[in-house]
């Protein structure tokens, strides 16, 4: 079965992590949009993204995942321009 771009996003841009607080839904969507821009993919609407994450067993209210990879760097720099 082929992986969807949502599955690839989760594999490339997040890491399961029970030791830190959950990554909230807004941050996860922001990370997703950064990942899409880096891969030249048009991001889906927030509501579609949330549904796709829930379909994959990601509880957006307590997604114990942390950011990883180039999308994390892009997201952080875009969120806090003073760091760049």
N, C-alpha and C. Protein backbone atom coordinates (compact mmCIF):
# COMPACT_ATOMS: atom_id res chain seq x y z
N UNK A 1 0.84 -1.18 0.00
CA UNK A 1 0.00 0.00 0.00
C UNK A 1 0.89 1.25 0.00
N UNK A 2 0.62 2.15 -0.89
CA UNK A 2 1.42 3.37 -1.01
C UNK A 2 1.12 4.32 0.14
N UNK A 3 2.15 5.02 0.57
CA UNK A 3 1.99 6.02 1.63
C UNK A 3 1.42 7.30 1.04
N UNK A 4 0.53 7.94 1.77
CA UNK A 4 0.02 9.24 1.35
C UNK A 4 1.01 10.32 1.77
N UNK A 5 0.80 11.52 1.28
CA UNK A 5 1.71 12.59 1.68
C UNK A 5 1.58 12.90 3.18
N UNK A 6 0.44 12.58 3.77
CA UNK A 6 0.28 12.77 5.22
C UNK A 6 1.18 11.79 5.99
N UNK A 7 1.23 10.55 5.52
CA UNK A 7 2.09 9.56 6.16
C UNK A 7 3.56 9.96 6.04
N UNK A 8 3.93 10.42 4.86
CA UNK A 8 5.32 10.85 4.64
C UNK A 8 5.64 12.05 5.51
N UNK A 9 4.70 13.00 5.63
CA UNK A 9 4.88 14.14 6.52
C UNK A 9 5.16 13.68 7.94
N UNK A 10 4.35 12.76 8.45
CA UNK A 10 4.54 12.29 9.82
C UNK A 10 5.89 11.61 9.99
N UNK A 11 6.31 10.85 8.99
CA UNK A 11 7.61 10.16 9.06
C UNK A 11 8.79 11.12 8.98
N UNK A 12 8.69 12.14 8.13
CA UNK A 12 9.81 13.05 7.90
C UNK A 12 9.88 14.23 8.87
N UNK A 13 8.74 14.69 9.35
CA UNK A 13 8.72 15.94 10.09
C UNK A 13 8.34 15.81 11.56
N UNK A 14 8.00 14.59 12.00
CA UNK A 14 7.66 14.41 13.41
C UNK A 14 8.30 13.14 13.94
N UNK A 15 8.41 13.11 15.24
CA UNK A 15 8.94 11.93 15.95
C UNK A 15 8.05 11.71 17.16
N UNK A 16 7.57 10.48 17.38
CA UNK A 16 6.80 10.21 18.60
C UNK A 16 7.64 10.54 19.83
N UNK A 17 7.02 11.18 20.81
CA UNK A 17 7.77 11.59 22.00
C UNK A 17 6.80 11.74 23.16
N UNK A 18 6.81 10.77 24.06
CA UNK A 18 5.93 10.80 25.23
C UNK A 18 6.53 11.62 26.38
N UNK A 19 7.77 12.07 26.25
CA UNK A 19 8.43 12.75 27.37
C UNK A 19 8.16 14.25 27.41
N UNK A 20 7.68 14.82 26.32
CA UNK A 20 7.41 16.25 26.28
C UNK A 20 5.91 16.49 26.18
N UNK A 21 5.52 17.72 26.42
CA UNK A 21 4.12 18.07 26.26
C UNK A 21 3.68 17.88 24.83
N UNK A 22 2.39 17.74 24.63
CA UNK A 22 1.89 17.49 23.28
C UNK A 22 2.10 18.68 22.34
N UNK A 23 2.32 18.36 21.09
CA UNK A 23 2.40 19.36 20.03
C UNK A 23 0.95 19.68 19.66
N UNK A 24 0.55 20.92 19.86
CA UNK A 24 -0.85 21.29 19.62
C UNK A 24 -1.24 21.24 18.16
N UNK A 25 -2.55 21.26 17.90
CA UNK A 25 -3.03 21.15 16.53
C UNK A 25 -2.58 22.30 15.63
N UNK A 26 -2.50 23.51 16.16
CA UNK A 26 -2.06 24.65 15.34
C UNK A 26 -0.60 24.52 14.97
N UNK A 27 0.23 24.10 15.91
CA UNK A 27 1.65 23.90 15.62
C UNK A 27 1.86 22.76 14.63
N UNK A 28 1.10 21.69 14.80
CA UNK A 28 1.23 20.55 13.90
C UNK A 28 0.82 20.95 12.48
N UNK A 29 -0.24 21.76 12.35
CA UNK A 29 -0.65 22.22 11.03
C UNK A 29 0.39 23.19 10.45
N UNK A 30 0.94 24.05 11.27
CA UNK A 30 1.99 24.96 10.80
C UNK A 30 3.21 24.19 10.32
N UNK A 31 3.57 23.15 11.05
CA UNK A 31 4.68 22.29 10.64
C UNK A 31 4.36 21.62 9.31
N UNK A 32 3.13 21.17 9.17
CA UNK A 32 2.68 20.54 7.93
C UNK A 32 2.80 21.53 6.75
N UNK A 33 2.36 22.77 6.94
CA UNK A 33 2.44 23.73 5.84
C UNK A 33 3.89 24.03 5.48
N UNK A 34 4.77 24.09 6.47
CA UNK A 34 6.21 24.28 6.18
C UNK A 34 6.75 23.08 5.40
N UNK A 35 6.37 21.88 5.81
CA UNK A 35 6.81 20.67 5.11
C UNK A 35 6.31 20.68 3.66
N UNK A 36 5.05 21.07 3.46
CA UNK A 36 4.49 21.14 2.10
C UNK A 36 5.26 22.14 1.25
N UNK A 37 5.56 23.30 1.79
CA UNK A 37 6.29 24.31 1.02
C UNK A 37 7.67 23.79 0.60
N UNK A 38 8.34 23.10 1.49
CA UNK A 38 9.65 22.55 1.17
C UNK A 38 9.57 21.46 0.10
N UNK A 39 8.43 20.78 0.02
CA UNK A 39 8.25 19.70 -0.96
C UNK A 39 7.45 20.14 -2.19
N UNK A 40 7.14 21.45 -2.23
CA UNK A 40 6.37 22.01 -3.34
C UNK A 40 5.02 21.30 -3.53
N UNK A 41 4.36 21.08 -2.39
CA UNK A 41 3.04 20.46 -2.35
C UNK A 41 2.07 21.51 -1.82
N UNK A 42 0.91 21.61 -2.44
CA UNK A 42 -0.10 22.55 -1.95
C UNK A 42 -0.74 21.96 -0.69
N UNK A 43 -0.64 22.66 0.45
CA UNK A 43 -1.23 22.12 1.68
C UNK A 43 -2.76 22.08 1.58
N UNK A 44 -3.34 21.10 2.21
CA UNK A 44 -4.80 21.01 2.28
C UNK A 44 -5.29 21.96 3.37
N UNK A 45 -6.57 22.22 3.37
CA UNK A 45 -7.17 23.09 4.39
C UNK A 45 -7.00 22.45 5.77
N UNK A 46 -7.00 23.29 6.78
CA UNK A 46 -6.80 22.84 8.16
C UNK A 46 -7.78 21.72 8.54
N UNK A 47 -9.02 21.87 8.20
CA UNK A 47 -10.02 20.86 8.58
C UNK A 47 -9.76 19.51 7.91
N UNK A 48 -9.28 19.54 6.68
CA UNK A 48 -8.93 18.30 5.98
C UNK A 48 -7.71 17.66 6.65
N UNK A 49 -6.74 18.50 7.00
CA UNK A 49 -5.54 18.01 7.69
C UNK A 49 -5.91 17.35 9.02
N UNK A 50 -6.75 18.01 9.79
CA UNK A 50 -7.15 17.46 11.09
C UNK A 50 -7.84 16.11 10.92
N UNK A 51 -8.69 16.01 9.93
CA UNK A 51 -9.38 14.74 9.67
C UNK A 51 -8.37 13.65 9.27
N UNK A 52 -7.40 14.01 8.44
CA UNK A 52 -6.38 13.04 8.01
C UNK A 52 -5.54 12.57 9.20
N UNK A 53 -5.23 13.48 10.12
CA UNK A 53 -4.44 13.09 11.29
C UNK A 53 -5.26 12.16 12.19
N UNK A 54 -6.52 12.49 12.40
CA UNK A 54 -7.37 11.63 13.22
C UNK A 54 -7.52 10.25 12.58
N UNK A 55 -7.62 10.21 11.27
CA UNK A 55 -7.72 8.94 10.53
C UNK A 55 -6.47 8.09 10.76
N UNK A 56 -5.34 8.73 11.03
CA UNK A 56 -4.07 8.03 11.27
C UNK A 56 -3.81 7.79 12.75
N UNK A 57 -4.81 8.04 13.58
CA UNK A 57 -4.68 7.78 15.00
C UNK A 57 -3.95 8.86 15.78
N UNK A 58 -3.79 10.03 15.20
CA UNK A 58 -3.13 11.14 15.89
C UNK A 58 -4.21 11.94 16.61
N UNK A 59 -4.17 11.93 17.93
CA UNK A 59 -5.10 12.72 18.73
C UNK A 59 -4.55 14.13 18.80
N UNK A 60 -5.19 15.06 18.12
CA UNK A 60 -4.67 16.42 18.04
C UNK A 60 -4.68 17.16 19.37
N UNK A 61 -5.47 16.69 20.32
CA UNK A 61 -5.48 17.32 21.64
C UNK A 61 -4.33 16.85 22.51
N UNK A 62 -3.75 15.73 22.15
CA UNK A 62 -2.62 15.22 22.93
C UNK A 62 -1.65 14.46 22.02
N UNK A 63 -1.24 15.10 20.95
CA UNK A 63 -0.31 14.46 20.00
C UNK A 63 1.10 14.52 20.58
N UNK A 64 1.50 13.45 21.21
CA UNK A 64 2.84 13.42 21.80
C UNK A 64 3.86 13.14 20.71
N UNK A 65 4.13 14.17 19.94
CA UNK A 65 5.10 14.11 18.87
C UNK A 65 5.93 15.39 18.97
N UNK A 66 7.12 15.33 18.45
CA UNK A 66 7.91 16.56 18.39
C UNK A 66 8.35 16.78 16.95
N UNK A 67 8.69 18.01 16.67
CA UNK A 67 9.11 18.39 15.33
C UNK A 67 10.49 17.83 15.03
N UNK A 68 10.73 17.56 13.75
CA UNK A 68 12.03 17.04 13.34
C UNK A 68 12.30 17.47 11.90
N UNK A 69 13.57 17.49 11.54
CA UNK A 69 13.96 17.71 10.16
C UNK A 69 13.88 19.15 9.68
N UNK A 70 14.08 19.33 8.37
CA UNK A 70 14.10 20.66 7.78
C UNK A 70 12.79 21.43 7.95
N UNK A 71 11.66 20.73 7.94
CA UNK A 71 10.38 21.42 8.12
C UNK A 71 10.29 22.07 9.50
N UNK A 72 10.87 21.41 10.51
CA UNK A 72 10.87 21.98 11.86
C UNK A 72 11.67 23.28 11.88
N UNK A 73 12.83 23.26 11.24
CA UNK A 73 13.66 24.47 11.17
C UNK A 73 12.91 25.59 10.47
N UNK A 74 12.30 25.27 9.33
CA UNK A 74 11.55 26.28 8.58
C UNK A 74 10.40 26.83 9.40
N UNK A 75 9.65 25.96 10.05
CA UNK A 75 8.51 26.38 10.85
C UNK A 75 8.96 27.31 11.98
N UNK A 76 10.00 26.95 12.67
CA UNK A 76 10.49 27.77 13.79
C UNK A 76 10.97 29.13 13.29
N UNK A 77 11.72 29.13 12.21
CA UNK A 77 12.22 30.41 11.67
C UNK A 77 11.09 31.28 11.16
N UNK A 78 10.06 30.70 10.57
CA UNK A 78 8.92 31.47 10.09
C UNK A 78 8.07 31.97 11.25
N UNK A 79 8.01 31.21 12.33
CA UNK A 79 7.20 31.59 13.50
C UNK A 79 7.89 32.64 14.35
N UNK A 80 9.22 32.62 14.36
CA UNK A 80 10.00 33.54 15.18
C UNK A 80 11.09 34.18 14.32
N UNK A 81 10.73 35.15 13.46
CA UNK A 81 11.68 35.72 12.50
C UNK A 81 12.92 36.34 13.15
N UNK A 82 12.83 36.73 14.40
CA UNK A 82 14.00 37.32 15.06
C UNK A 82 15.13 36.32 15.22
N UNK A 83 14.83 35.04 15.13
CA UNK A 83 15.86 34.00 15.24
C UNK A 83 16.70 33.87 13.98
N UNK A 84 16.13 34.28 12.84
CA UNK A 84 16.80 34.10 11.55
C UNK A 84 17.82 35.08 11.25
